[in-house]
C-alpha atoms as a PDB file:
ATOM      1  CA  MET A   1       0.000   0.000   0.000  1.00  0.00           C
ATOM      2  CA  ASP A   2       1.558   3.277  -1.129  1.00  0.00           C
ATOM      3  CA  LEU A   3       0.662   5.786   1.588  1.00  0.00           C
ATOM      4  CA  PHE A   4       1.004   9.500   1.004  1.00  0.00           C
ATOM      5  CA  VAL A   5       4.075  10.563   3.018  1.00  0.00           C
ATOM      6  CA  ARG A   6       5.516  13.943   3.980  1.00  0.00           C
ATOM      7  CA  GLU A   7       9.294  13.737   4.319  1.00  0.00           C
ATOM      8  CA  SER A   8      11.763  16.177   5.845  1.00  0.00           C
ATOM      9  CA  GLY A   9      15.163  16.278   7.498  1.00  0.00           C
ATOM     10  CA  PRO A  10      18.633  15.133   6.448  1.00  0.00           C
ATOM     11  CA  VAL A  11      19.079  11.830   4.646  1.00  0.00           C
ATOM     12  CA  GLY A  12      21.106   9.442   6.793  1.00  0.00           C
ATOM     13  CA  ALA A  13      19.877  10.934  10.076  1.00  0.00           C
ATOM     14  CA  PRO A  14      17.878   8.749  12.509  1.00  0.00           C
ATOM     15  CA  THR A  15      14.391   8.241  11.089  1.00  0.00           C
ATOM     16  CA  ILE A  16      11.162   8.964  12.954  1.00  0.00           C
ATOM     17  CA  VAL A  17       7.788   7.831  11.629  1.00  0.00           C
ATOM     18  CA  PHE A  18       4.954  10.003  12.997  1.00  0.00           C
ATOM     19  CA  LEU A  19       1.460   8.450  13.144  1.00  0.00           C
ATOM     20  CA  HIS A  20      -1.433  10.897  13.424  1.00  0.00           C
ATOM     21  CA  GLY A  21      -4.604  10.676  15.484  1.00  0.00           C
ATOM     22  CA  GLY A  22      -8.200  10.207  14.387  1.00  0.00           C
ATOM     23  CA  ARG A  23     -10.057  13.041  12.552  1.00  0.00           C
ATOM     24  CA  LEU A  24      -6.646  14.387  11.493  1.00  0.00           C
ATOM     25  CA  SER A  25      -3.930  13.483   9.007  1.00  0.00           C
ATOM     26  CA  GLY A  26      -0.177  13.924   8.754  1.00  0.00           C
ATOM     27  CA  TRP A  27      -0.232  17.730   8.506  1.00  0.00           C
ATOM     28  CA  SER A  28      -1.165  17.840  12.216  1.00  0.00           C
ATOM     29  CA  TRP A  29       2.398  16.849  13.130  1.00  0.00           C
ATOM     30  CA  GLU A  30       4.039  19.822  11.374  1.00  0.00           C
ATOM     31  CA  PRO A  31       4.622  21.949  14.521  1.00  0.00           C
ATOM     32  CA  VAL A  32       6.382  18.990  16.141  1.00  0.00           C
ATOM     33  CA  VAL A  33       8.320  17.894  13.056  1.00  0.00           C
ATOM     34  CA  GLU A  34       9.749  21.354  12.448  1.00  0.00           C
ATOM     35  CA  ARG A  35      11.315  21.173  15.922  1.00  0.00           C
ATOM     36  CA  MET A  36      12.921  17.750  15.415  1.00  0.00           C
ATOM     37  CA  HIS A  37      16.277  18.997  14.176  1.00  0.00           C
ATOM     38  CA  GLY A  38      18.742  16.277  13.266  1.00  0.00           C
ATOM     39  CA  TYR A  39      16.095  13.675  12.435  1.00  0.00           C
ATOM     40  CA  ARG A  40      14.677  12.452   9.168  1.00  0.00           C
ATOM     41  CA  CYS A  41      10.904  12.570   9.588  1.00  0.00           C
ATOM     42  CA  LEU A  42       8.405  10.444   7.648  1.00  0.00           C
ATOM     43  CA  VAL A  43       4.797  11.464   8.221  1.00  0.00           C
ATOM     44  CA  PRO A  44       2.213   9.301   6.428  1.00  0.00           C
ATOM     45  CA  ASP A  45      -1.489   9.866   6.022  1.00  0.00           C
ATOM     46  CA  LEU A  46      -2.959   6.599   7.288  1.00  0.00           C
ATOM     47  CA  PRO A  47      -5.441   4.683   5.095  1.00  0.00           C
ATOM     48  CA  GLN A  48      -8.776   6.508   4.698  1.00  0.00           C
ATOM     49  CA  TYR A  49      -7.254   9.779   5.922  1.00  0.00           C
ATOM     50  CA  GLY A  50      -6.101  12.901   4.120  1.00  0.00           C
ATOM     51  CA  GLN A  51      -4.283  12.200   0.872  1.00  0.00           C
ATOM     52  CA  SER A  52      -4.444   8.446   1.564  1.00  0.00           C
ATOM     53  CA  SER A  53      -8.245   8.563   1.729  1.00  0.00           C
ATOM     54  CA  ALA A  54      -8.620   6.364  -1.361  1.00  0.00           C
ATOM     55  CA  LEU A  55      -6.665   3.592   0.375  1.00  0.00           C
ATOM     56  CA  GLY A  56      -9.404   2.844   2.924  1.00  0.00           C
ATOM     57  CA  PRO A  57     -11.078   1.307   4.713  1.00  0.00           C
ATOM     58  CA  PHE A  58      -9.139   1.996   7.869  1.00  0.00           C
ATOM     59  CA  GLU A  59      -8.314  -1.080   9.911  1.00  0.00           C
ATOM     60  CA  ILE A  60      -5.603  -1.320  12.540  1.00  0.00           C
ATOM     61  CA  GLY A  61      -4.031  -4.330  10.835  1.00  0.00           C
ATOM     62  CA  ARG A  62      -4.039  -2.767   7.351  1.00  0.00           C
ATOM     63  CA  ALA A  63      -2.623   0.490   8.658  1.00  0.00           C
ATOM     64  CA  THR A  64       0.088  -1.390  10.548  1.00  0.00           C
ATOM     65  CA  ASP A  65       1.079  -3.354   7.451  1.00  0.00           C
ATOM     66  CA  ALA A  66       1.310  -0.123   5.454  1.00  0.00           C
ATOM     67  CA  VAL A  67       3.524   1.537   8.076  1.00  0.00           C
ATOM     68  CA  ALA A  68       5.749  -1.563   8.202  1.00  0.00           C
ATOM     69  CA  GLU A  69       6.120  -1.373   4.427  1.00  0.00           C
ATOM     70  CA  LEU A  70       7.011   2.320   4.693  1.00  0.00           C
ATOM     71  CA  ILE A  71       9.753   1.629   7.244  1.00  0.00           C
ATOM     72  CA  ARG A  72      11.234  -1.231   5.227  1.00  0.00           C
ATOM     73  CA  SER A  73      11.337   0.788   2.037  1.00  0.00           C
ATOM     74  CA  ARG A  74      12.263   4.278   3.209  1.00  0.00           C
ATOM     75  CA  ALA A  75      13.879   4.191   6.650  1.00  0.00           C
ATOM     76  CA  ASP A  76      17.641   3.925   6.899  1.00  0.00           C
ATOM     77  CA  ALA A  77      18.640   0.283   7.534  1.00  0.00           C
ATOM     78  CA  GLY A  78      14.965  -0.678   7.571  1.00  0.00           C
ATOM     79  CA  GLN A  79      14.392   0.508  11.130  1.00  0.00           C
ATOM     80  CA  ALA A  80      12.858   3.659  12.598  1.00  0.00           C
ATOM     81  CA  HIS A  81      11.720   5.337  15.761  1.00  0.00           C
ATOM     82  CA  VAL A  82       7.911   5.501  15.937  1.00  0.00           C
ATOM     83  CA  VAL A  83       5.859   8.341  17.442  1.00  0.00           C
ATOM     84  CA  GLY A  84       2.081   7.967  17.594  1.00  0.00           C
ATOM     85  CA  PHE A  85      -0.861   9.908  18.969  1.00  0.00           C
ATOM     86  CA  SER A  86      -4.250   8.380  19.884  1.00  0.00           C
ATOM     87  CA  LEU A  87      -5.367   6.279  16.885  1.00  0.00           C
ATOM     88  CA  GLY A  88      -1.827   6.441  15.502  1.00  0.00           C
ATOM     89  CA  ALA A  89      -0.515   5.216  18.847  1.00  0.00           C
ATOM     90  CA  GLN A  90      -2.737   2.144  18.542  1.00  0.00           C
ATOM     91  CA  VAL A  91      -1.148   1.456  15.158  1.00  0.00           C
ATOM     92  CA  GLY A  92       2.243   1.896  16.838  1.00  0.00           C
ATOM     93  CA  VAL A  93       1.357  -0.678  19.499  1.00  0.00           C
ATOM     94  CA  GLN A  94       0.261  -3.169  16.856  1.00  0.00           C
ATOM     95  CA  LEU A  95       3.517  -2.588  14.976  1.00  0.00           C
ATOM     96  CA  LEU A  96       5.528  -3.271  18.142  1.00  0.00           C
ATOM     97  CA  ALA A  97       3.656  -6.546  18.577  1.00  0.00           C
ATOM     98  CA  THR A  98       3.870  -7.825  15.017  1.00  0.00           C
ATOM     99  CA  GLU A  99       7.036  -6.240  13.569  1.00  0.00           C
ATOM    100  CA  PRO A 100       9.221  -5.338  16.574  1.00  0.00           C
ATOM    101  CA  GLU A 101      12.434  -5.545  14.563  1.00  0.00           C
ATOM    102  CA  LEU A 102      11.337  -2.458  12.612  1.00  0.00           C
ATOM    103  CA  VAL A 103      11.088  -0.232  15.703  1.00  0.00           C
ATOM    104  CA  ASP A 104      14.150   1.204  17.428  1.00  0.00           C
ATOM    105  CA  ARG A 105      12.414   3.254  20.155  1.00  0.00           C
ATOM    106  CA  ALA A 106       8.826   4.473  20.406  1.00  0.00           C
ATOM    107  CA  VAL A 107       6.808   7.280  21.999  1.00  0.00           C
ATOM    108  CA  LEU A 108       3.070   6.569  22.066  1.00  0.00           C
ATOM    109  CA  CYS A 109       0.702   9.161  23.490  1.00  0.00           C
ATOM    110  CA  GLY A 110      -2.949   8.798  24.472  1.00  0.00           C
ATOM    111  CA  THR A 111      -3.065   5.101  23.593  1.00  0.00           C
ATOM    112  CA  MET A 112      -6.359   3.453  24.473  1.00  0.00           C
ATOM    113  CA  VAL A 113      -6.957  -0.278  24.806  1.00  0.00           C
ATOM    114  CA  ASN A 114     -10.246  -2.030  25.502  1.00  0.00           C
ATOM    115  CA  ALA A 115      -9.624  -5.385  27.144  1.00  0.00           C
ATOM    116  CA  LEU A 116     -13.018  -5.450  28.896  1.00  0.00           C
ATOM    117  CA  PRO A 117     -15.244  -8.540  28.683  1.00  0.00           C
ATOM    118  CA  TRP A 118     -17.975  -6.437  27.041  1.00  0.00           C
ATOM    119  CA  ALA A 119     -15.700  -5.086  24.308  1.00  0.00           C
ATOM    120  CA  ARG A 120     -18.055  -6.272  21.547  1.00  0.00           C
ATOM    121  CA  LEU A 121     -20.941  -4.324  23.072  1.00  0.00           C
ATOM    122  CA  THR A 122     -18.669  -1.298  23.375  1.00  0.00           C
ATOM    123  CA  GLN A 123     -17.913  -1.533  19.661  1.00  0.00           C
ATOM    124  CA  HIS A 124     -21.585  -1.646  18.688  1.00  0.00           C
ATOM    125  CA  LEU A 125     -22.428   1.305  20.927  1.00  0.00           C
ATOM    126  CA  ALA A 126     -19.484   3.312  19.612  1.00  0.00           C
ATOM    127  CA  GLY A 127     -20.564   2.717  16.054  1.00  0.00           C
ATOM    128  CA  LEU A 128     -24.153   3.686  16.818  1.00  0.00           C
ATOM    129  CA  VAL A 129     -23.128   6.923  18.534  1.00  0.00           C
ATOM    130  CA  ALA A 130     -20.850   7.830  15.644  1.00  0.00           C
ATOM    131  CA  ARG A 131     -23.587   7.257  13.052  1.00  0.00           C
ATOM    132  CA  VAL A 132     -26.152   9.292  14.969  1.00  0.00           C
ATOM    133  CA  SER A 133     -24.166  12.231  16.284  1.00  0.00           C
ATOM    134  CA  TRP A 134     -20.859  12.630  14.444  1.00  0.00           C
ATOM    135  CA  SER A 135     -22.098  14.815  11.611  1.00  0.00           C
ATOM    136  CA  ARG A 136     -19.816  17.340   9.953  1.00  0.00           C
ATOM    137  CA  ARG A 137     -21.885  20.190  11.426  1.00  0.00           C
ATOM    138  CA  VAL A 138     -21.573  18.849  15.001  1.00  0.00           C
ATOM    139  CA  LEU A 139     -17.865  18.177  14.532  1.00  0.00           C
ATOM    140  CA  THR A 140     -17.305  21.710  13.272  1.00  0.00           C
ATOM    141  CA  ARG A 141     -19.027  23.201  16.330  1.00  0.00           C
ATOM    142  CA  ARG A 142     -16.963  21.048  18.663  1.00  0.00           C
ATOM    143  CA  TRP A 143     -13.824  21.961  16.766  1.00  0.00           C
ATOM    144  CA  ASN A 144     -14.485  25.681  17.085  1.00  0.00           C
ATOM    145  CA  ALA A 145     -15.149  25.243  20.817  1.00  0.00           C
ATOM    146  CA  ARG A 146     -12.144  23.055  21.597  1.00  0.00           C
ATOM    147  CA  PRO A 147      -9.325  23.573  19.092  1.00  0.00           C
ATOM    148  CA  VAL A 148      -6.502  21.017  19.184  1.00  0.00           C
ATOM    149  CA  VAL A 149      -4.358  22.394  16.351  1.00  0.00           C
ATOM    150  CA  PRO A 150      -3.486  25.986  15.380  1.00  0.00           C
ATOM    151  CA  ALA A 151      -6.345  28.096  14.090  1.00  0.00           C
ATOM    152  CA  ALA A 152      -4.472  28.504  10.808  1.00  0.00           C
ATOM    153  CA  ARG A 153      -5.006  24.805  10.100  1.00  0.00           C
ATOM    154  CA  ILE A 154      -8.785  24.673  10.638  1.00  0.00           C
ATOM    155  CA  ASP A 155      -9.331  24.525   6.877  1.00  0.00           C
ATOM    156  CA  ASP A 156      -7.057  21.479   6.696  1.00  0.00           C
ATOM    157  CA  TYR A 157      -9.056  19.852   9.465  1.00  0.00           C
ATOM    158  CA  ARG A 158     -12.364  20.574   7.749  1.00  0.00           C
ATOM    159  CA  GLY A 159     -10.921  19.305   4.489  1.00  0.00           C
ATOM    160  CA  ASP A 160     -10.086  16.006   6.166  1.00  0.00           C
ATOM    161  CA  LEU A 161     -13.641  15.778   7.523  1.00  0.00           C
ATOM    162  CA  ARG A 162     -15.094  16.216   4.052  1.00  0.00           C
ATOM    163  CA  LEU A 163     -13.183  13.138   2.881  1.00  0.00           C
ATOM    164  CA  ILE A 164     -14.787  10.809   5.437  1.00  0.00           C
ATOM    165  CA  THR A 165     -18.462   9.860   5.458  1.00  0.00           C
ATOM    166  CA  GLN A 166     -20.445   9.248   8.640  1.00  0.00           C
ATOM    167  CA  ARG A 167     -20.425   5.522   7.851  1.00  0.00           C
ATOM    168  CA  GLN A 168     -16.624   5.572   7.565  1.00  0.00           C
ATOM    169  CA  VAL A 169     -16.335   7.525  10.815  1.00  0.00           C
ATOM    170  CA  ALA A 170     -18.420   4.845  12.532  1.00  0.00           C
ATOM    171  CA  HIS A 171     -16.137   2.160  11.112  1.00  0.00           C
ATOM    172  CA  ILE A 172     -13.046   3.934  12.455  1.00  0.00           C
ATOM    173  CA  VAL A 173     -14.603   4.469  15.885  1.00  0.00           C
ATOM    174  CA  VAL A 174     -15.464   0.772  16.074  1.00  0.00           C
ATOM    175  CA  ALA A 175     -11.925  -0.225  15.050  1.00  0.00           C
ATOM    176  CA  SER A 176     -10.421   1.994  17.736  1.00  0.00           C
ATOM    177  CA  ALA A 177     -12.922   1.112  20.480  1.00  0.00           C
ATOM    178  CA  GLY A 178     -12.305  -2.591  19.953  1.00  0.00           C
ATOM    179  CA  PHE A 179      -8.514  -2.356  20.093  1.00  0.00           C
ATOM    180  CA  THR A 180      -7.060  -4.712  22.710  1.00  0.00           C
ATOM    181  CA  LEU A 181      -3.606  -5.636  23.943  1.00  0.00           C
ATOM    182  CA  PRO A 182      -2.205  -7.461  20.915  1.00  0.00           C
ATOM    183  CA  LYS A 183      -0.523 -10.843  21.123  1.00  0.00           C
ATOM    184  CA  GLY A 184       3.243 -10.667  20.958  1.00  0.00           C
ATOM    185  CA  LEU A 185       3.618  -7.309  22.674  1.00  0.00           C
ATOM    186  CA  ASP A 186       5.307  -8.999  25.643  1.00  0.00           C
ATOM    187  CA  LYS A 187       8.070 -10.190  23.286  1.00  0.00           C
ATOM    188  CA  SER A 188       8.866  -6.717  21.948  1.00  0.00           C
ATOM    189  CA  ASP A 189      11.947  -5.243  23.627  1.00  0.00           C
ATOM    190  CA  SER A 190      11.894  -1.835  21.887  1.00  0.00           C
ATOM    191  CA  PRO A 191      12.149   0.852  24.595  1.00  0.00           C
ATOM    192  CA  THR A 192       8.705   2.447  24.579  1.00  0.00           C
ATOM    193  CA  LEU A 193       7.393   5.501  26.417  1.00  0.00           C
ATOM    194  CA  PHE A 194       3.621   5.556  26.946  1.00  0.00           C
ATOM    195  CA  LEU A 195       2.437   9.096  27.643  1.00  0.00           C
ATOM    196  CA  THR A 196      -0.885  10.454  28.827  1.00  0.00           C
ATOM    197  CA  GLY A 197      -2.038  13.866  29.916  1.00  0.00           C
ATOM    198  CA  ALA A 198      -2.522  14.044  33.681  1.00  0.00           C
ATOM    199  CA  ASP A 199      -6.025  15.462  33.046  1.00  0.00           C
ATOM    200  CA  GLU A 200      -7.102  12.630  30.748  1.00  0.00           C
ATOM    201  CA  LEU A 201      -9.755  10.124  31.759  1.00  0.00           C
ATOM    202  CA  PRO A 202      -8.540   7.495  34.258  1.00  0.00           C
ATOM    203  CA  PHE A 203      -9.303   4.836  31.646  1.00  0.00           C
ATOM    204  CA  VAL A 204      -6.645   6.265  29.323  1.00  0.00           C
ATOM    205  CA  ARG A 205      -4.067   6.378  32.109  1.00  0.00           C
ATOM    206  CA  ARG A 206      -4.886   2.770  33.020  1.00  0.00           C
ATOM    207  CA  SER A 207      -4.391   1.819  29.380  1.00  0.00           C
ATOM    208  CA  ALA A 208      -0.897   3.328  29.388  1.00  0.00           C
ATOM    209  CA  ALA A 209      -0.001   1.463  32.572  1.00  0.00           C
ATOM    210  CA  ALA A 210      -1.274  -1.838  31.171  1.00  0.00           C
ATOM    211  CA  LEU A 211       0.663  -1.373  27.958  1.00  0.00           C
ATOM    212  CA  ALA A 212       3.882  -0.438  29.739  1.00  0.00           C
ATOM    213  CA  GLN A 213       3.603  -3.392  32.089  1.00  0.00           C
ATOM    214  CA  SER A 214       3.120  -5.764  29.177  1.00  0.00           C
ATOM    215  CA  MET A 215       6.481  -4.848  27.594  1.00  0.00           C
ATOM    216  CA  PRO A 216       9.996  -5.629  28.863  1.00  0.00           C
ATOM    217  CA  ASN A 217      11.163  -2.046  28.239  1.00  0.00           C
ATOM    218  CA  GLY A 218       7.947  -0.073  28.506  1.00  0.00           C
ATOM    219  CA  ILE A 219       7.325   2.784  30.928  1.00  0.00           C
ATOM    220  CA  ASP A 220       4.402   5.156  31.407  1.00  0.00           C
ATOM    221  CA  ARG A 221       4.557   8.821  32.328  1.00  0.00           C
ATOM    222  CA  VAL A 222       2.093  11.697  32.536  1.00  0.00           C
ATOM    223  CA  ALA A 223       2.314  15.250  31.242  1.00  0.00           C
ATOM    224  CA  ILE A 224       1.420  17.531  34.159  1.00  0.00           C
ATOM    225  CA  ALA A 225      -1.832  19.508  33.747  1.00  0.00           C
ATOM    226  CA  MET A 226      -2.345  18.287  30.167  1.00  0.00           C
ATOM    227  CA  GLY A 227      -5.339  16.806  28.356  1.00  0.00           C
ATOM    228  CA  HIS A 228      -5.561  14.284  25.534  1.00  0.00           C
ATOM    229  CA  ALA A 229      -4.448  16.538  22.680  1.00  0.00           C
ATOM    230  CA  TRP A 230      -1.406  18.023  24.398  1.00  0.00           C
ATOM    231  CA  PRO A 231       1.144  16.812  21.780  1.00  0.00           C
ATOM    232  CA  LEU A 232      -0.606  19.014  19.209  1.00  0.00           C
ATOM    233  CA  ARG A 233      -1.316  21.974  21.480  1.00  0.00           C
ATOM    234  CA  TYR A 234       2.152  22.084  23.055  1.00  0.00           C
ATOM    235  CA  PRO A 235       4.536  20.950  20.313  1.00  0.00           C
ATOM    236  CA  ASP A 236       7.625  22.389  21.993  1.00  0.00           C
ATOM    237  CA  LEU A 237       7.139  20.297  25.129  1.00  0.00           C
ATOM    238  CA  PHE A 238       6.233  17.225  23.108  1.00  0.00           C
ATOM    239  CA  SER A 239       9.223  17.529  20.770  1.00  0.00           C
ATOM    240  CA  ARG A 240      11.586  17.908  23.736  1.00  0.00           C
ATOM    241  CA  THR A 241      10.001  14.844  25.326  1.00  0.00           C
ATOM    242  CA  VAL A 242      10.416  12.794  22.161  1.00  0.00           C
ATOM    243  CA  ASP A 243      14.023  13.890  21.717  1.00  0.00           C
ATOM    244  CA  GLY A 244      14.826  13.085  25.344  1.00  0.00           C
ATOM    245  CA  TRP A 245      13.429   9.579  25.003  1.00  0.00           C
ATOM    246  CA  LEU A 246      15.026   8.826  21.645  1.00  0.00           C
ATOM    247  CA  THR A 247      18.444   9.972  22.835  1.00  0.00           C
ATOM    248  CA  ASP A 248      18.069   8.286  26.244  1.00  0.00           C
ATOM    249  CA  THR A 249      18.575  11.578  28.070  1.00  0.00           C
ATOM    250  CA  ALA A 250      16.512  13.380  30.705  1.00  0.00           C
ATOM    251  CA  LEU A 251      12.843  14.017  29.987  1.00  0.00           C
ATOM    252  CA  PRO A 252      11.409  17.515  30.606  1.00  0.00           C
ATOM    253  CA  SER A 253      10.389  18.299  34.168  1.00  0.00           C
ATOM    254  CA  GLU A 254       6.742  18.504  33.045  1.00  0.00           C
ATOM    255  CA  ILE A 255       6.801  14.727  32.376  1.00  0.00           C
ATOM    256  CA  ALA A 256       6.240  12.946  35.671  1.00  0.00           C
ATOM    257  CA  LEU A 257       5.599   9.565  37.222  1.00  0.00           C
ATOM    258  CA  PRO A 258       1.908   8.535  37.200  1.00  0.00           C
END
């Protein structure tokens, strides 16, 4: 699958693959990428999103396979660091479980897993809610009330929305809501930092803890006084956090133990 990819940074430098969240596409990472000096950055639009919209439907497994193909073909030595947010972080987790040799180190933020016994019911309810209430008009109102990317990029956000139908949104919500701890994650030894905002729902923080505990070299940390979308709203802090983890140096003081 030939994903649309934005590429920047010096050839031969350590490669980072950035995986965007739901309702967004790769452009949302620009404020972070422009701060990642000394790295080669590959930023795909995942299937069914942005300029990869024709490559849908979105499924975690299909998206993971496409990212694995991207790393093999375009990352130096066929290995990359992986940075993911929300839906993109779920793809990053699946990649760590199925293709761990492709991942050097990873930073995954706002990763949600649903390992509850009633996960199937959760999926059906999520799909129903998405079909009924996630119209473009409602999304636009919510966007204007709670921006998560710079105001200058609202047109890009709305453009992404126009590419996805309500039925497709429901499909994506179901895929994300039903994501569970994948088999093989306990065998992946890639050092992985699971981040959440301290103000996120307890469920999200529990997900990060469960993921970190399932990996030999996983840890979870919280960003003080931050919500779910903090990587996009505070790109300077997030880029410093990513750089600290990838270089195995100190993390910013705003990143704390849970």
